[in-house]
Amino acid sequence: MALNNKWISHIDDERQRELFKQHLLENTELFKRLKELLEGKLKDAEASRRSLKSYVINSYSEYQADRNATERTLLEVIDLIPKQDDK
């Protein structure tokens, strides 16, 4: 499992860093489920942004900006989730 270094960048001690990294990597099922949930939210946000109802909103540009920000944030969080090794 590949781990984004942002998870351990706050730890200076190498031993503590490895212990924390190991603890994170022991939770693969939790991360897998979290990724599924976030990807579902991302799919919903994308569908909402593209829906016909979004075109009739008075503040369309603000709504689109909000949807874009939501999608960008979800993608950033999904990117932090440890990646499963392809084996």
C-alpha atoms as a PDB file:
ATOM      1  CA  MET A   1       0.000   0.000   0.000  1.00  0.00           C
ATOM      2  CA  ALA A   2       1.430   3.378  -1.004  1.00  0.00           C
ATOM      3  CA  LEU A   3       1.156   6.101   1.609  1.00  0.00           C
ATOM      4  CA  ASN A   4       1.083   9.841   0.923  1.00  0.00           C
ATOM      5  CA  ASN A   5       3.933  11.464   2.883  1.00  0.00           C
ATOM      6  CA  LYS A   6       1.588  14.143   4.199  1.00  0.00           C
ATOM      7  CA  TRP A   7       0.346  11.558   6.703  1.00  0.00           C
ATOM      8  CA  ILE A   8       3.716  11.377   8.435  1.00  0.00           C
ATOM      9  CA  SER A   9       5.332  14.734   7.638  1.00  0.00           C
ATOM     10  CA  HIS A  10       4.495  16.095  11.118  1.00  0.00           C
ATOM     11  CA  ILE A  11       6.636  13.444  12.848  1.00  0.00           C
ATOM     12  CA  ASP A  12      10.351  14.182  13.218  1.00  0.00           C
ATOM     13  CA  ASP A  13      11.444  10.984  14.965  1.00  0.00           C
ATOM     14  CA  GLU A  14      12.065   8.215  12.421  1.00  0.00           C
ATOM     15  CA  ARG A  15      10.957   5.441  14.789  1.00  0.00           C
ATOM     16  CA  GLN A  16       7.705   7.228  15.615  1.00  0.00           C
ATOM     17  CA  ARG A  17       7.198   7.904  11.919  1.00  0.00           C
ATOM     18  CA  GLU A  18       7.486   4.199  11.097  1.00  0.00           C
ATOM     19  CA  LEU A  19       5.149   3.225  13.941  1.00  0.00           C
ATOM     20  CA  PHE A  20       2.540   5.739  12.794  1.00  0.00           C
ATOM     21  CA  LYS A  21       2.925   4.600   9.186  1.00  0.00           C
ATOM     22  CA  GLN A  22       2.465   0.969  10.224  1.00  0.00           C
ATOM     23  CA  HIS A  23      -0.637   1.883  12.212  1.00  0.00           C
ATOM     24  CA  LEU A  24      -2.135   3.598   9.163  1.00  0.00           C
ATOM     25  CA  LEU A  25      -1.333   0.701   6.880  1.00  0.00           C
ATOM     26  CA  GLU A  26      -3.087  -1.729   9.243  1.00  0.00           C
ATOM     27  CA  ASN A  27      -6.401  -0.016   8.483  1.00  0.00           C
ATOM     28  CA  THR A  28      -6.782  -0.906   4.814  1.00  0.00           C
ATOM     29  CA  GLU A  29     -10.461  -1.870   5.099  1.00  0.00           C
ATOM     30  CA  LEU A  30     -11.299   1.421   6.773  1.00  0.00           C
ATOM     31  CA  PHE A  31      -9.526   3.405   4.054  1.00  0.00           C
ATOM     32  CA  LYS A  32     -11.149   1.319   1.342  1.00  0.00           C
ATOM     33  CA  ARG A  33     -14.618   2.067   2.733  1.00  0.00           C
ATOM     34  CA  LEU A  34     -13.812   5.747   3.199  1.00  0.00           C
ATOM     35  CA  LYS A  35     -12.679   5.967  -0.429  1.00  0.00           C
ATOM     36  CA  GLU A  36     -15.913   4.313  -1.583  1.00  0.00           C
ATOM     37  CA  LEU A  37     -17.982   6.810   0.409  1.00  0.00           C
ATOM     38  CA  LEU A  38     -16.048   9.814  -0.885  1.00  0.00           C
ATOM     39  CA  GLU A  39     -16.203   8.593  -4.477  1.00  0.00           C
ATOM     40  CA  GLY A  40     -19.979   8.287  -4.085  1.00  0.00           C
ATOM     41  CA  LYS A  41     -20.132  11.886  -2.835  1.00  0.00           C
ATOM     42  CA  LEU A  42     -17.971  12.952  -5.785  1.00  0.00           C
ATOM     43  CA  LYS A  43     -20.282  11.195  -8.239  1.00  0.00           C
ATOM     44  CA  ASP A  44     -23.294  12.915  -6.638  1.00  0.00           C
ATOM     45  CA  ALA A  45     -21.574  16.323  -6.811  1.00  0.00           C
ATOM     46  CA  GLU A  46     -20.705  15.810 -10.473  1.00  0.00           C
ATOM     47  CA  ALA A  47     -24.270  14.781 -11.288  1.00  0.00           C
ATOM     48  CA  SER A  48     -25.663  17.752  -9.365  1.00  0.00           C
ATOM     49  CA  ARG A  49     -23.420  20.167 -11.251  1.00  0.00           C
ATOM     50  CA  ARG A  50     -24.562  18.756 -14.597  1.00  0.00           C
ATOM     51  CA  SER A  51     -28.258  18.452 -13.792  1.00  0.00           C
ATOM     52  CA  LEU A  52     -30.842  20.417 -15.737  1.00  0.00           C
ATOM     53  CA  LYS A  53     -32.152  21.881 -12.449  1.00  0.00           C
ATOM     54  CA  SER A  54     -28.825  23.625 -11.930  1.00  0.00           C
ATOM     55  CA  TYR A  55     -29.410  25.755 -15.036  1.00  0.00           C
ATOM     56  CA  VAL A  56     -32.525  27.417 -13.626  1.00  0.00           C
ATOM     57  CA  ILE A  57     -30.879  28.536 -10.375  1.00  0.00           C
ATOM     58  CA  ASN A  58     -30.746  32.332 -10.085  1.00  0.00           C
ATOM     59  CA  SER A  59     -27.140  32.294  -8.945  1.00  0.00           C
ATOM     60  CA  TYR A  60     -25.931  29.717 -11.466  1.00  0.00           C
ATOM     61  CA  SER A  61     -22.292  30.842 -11.541  1.00  0.00           C
ATOM     62  CA  GLU A  62     -22.009  30.753  -7.741  1.00  0.00           C
ATOM     63  CA  TYR A  63     -23.629  27.319  -7.677  1.00  0.00           C
ATOM     64  CA  GLN A  64     -21.199  26.011 -10.272  1.00  0.00           C
ATOM     65  CA  ALA A  65     -18.241  27.481  -8.364  1.00  0.00           C
ATOM     66  CA  ASP A  66     -19.476  25.748  -5.210  1.00  0.00           C
ATOM     67  CA  ARG A  67     -19.872  22.415  -7.012  1.00  0.00           C
ATOM     68  CA  ASN A  68     -16.390  22.775  -8.523  1.00  0.00           C
ATOM     69  CA  ALA A  69     -14.915  23.505  -5.085  1.00  0.00           C
ATOM     70  CA  THR A  70     -16.738  20.513  -3.602  1.00  0.00           C
ATOM     71  CA  GLU A  71     -15.398  18.212  -6.306  1.00  0.00           C
ATOM     72  CA  ARG A  72     -11.866  19.584  -5.942  1.00  0.00           C
ATOM     73  CA  THR A  73     -11.954  19.097  -2.157  1.00  0.00           C
ATOM     74  CA  LEU A  74     -13.253  15.542  -2.442  1.00  0.00           C
ATOM     75  CA  LEU A  75     -10.520  14.717  -4.969  1.00  0.00           C
ATOM     76  CA  GLU A  76      -7.857  16.146  -2.641  1.00  0.00           C
ATOM     77  CA  VAL A  77      -9.089  14.012   0.259  1.00  0.00           C
ATOM     78  CA  ILE A  78      -9.361  10.902  -1.939  1.00  0.00           C
ATOM     79  CA  ASP A  79      -5.763  11.510  -3.033  1.00  0.00           C
ATOM     80  CA  LEU A  80      -4.630  11.383   0.614  1.00  0.00           C
ATOM     81  CA  ILE A  81      -6.067   7.895   1.102  1.00  0.00           C
ATOM     82  CA  PRO A  82      -3.347   5.239   0.925  1.00  0.00           C
ATOM     83  CA  LYS A  83      -3.330   3.516  -2.460  1.00  0.00           C
ATOM     84  CA  GLN A  84      -3.796  -0.239  -2.696  1.00  0.00           C
ATOM     85  CA  ASP A  85      -0.842  -2.033  -4.296  1.00  0.00           C
ATOM     86  CA  ASP A  86      -1.722  -3.686  -7.586  1.00  0.00           C
ATOM     87  CA  LYS A  87      -0.784  -7.340  -7.187  1.00  0.00           C
END
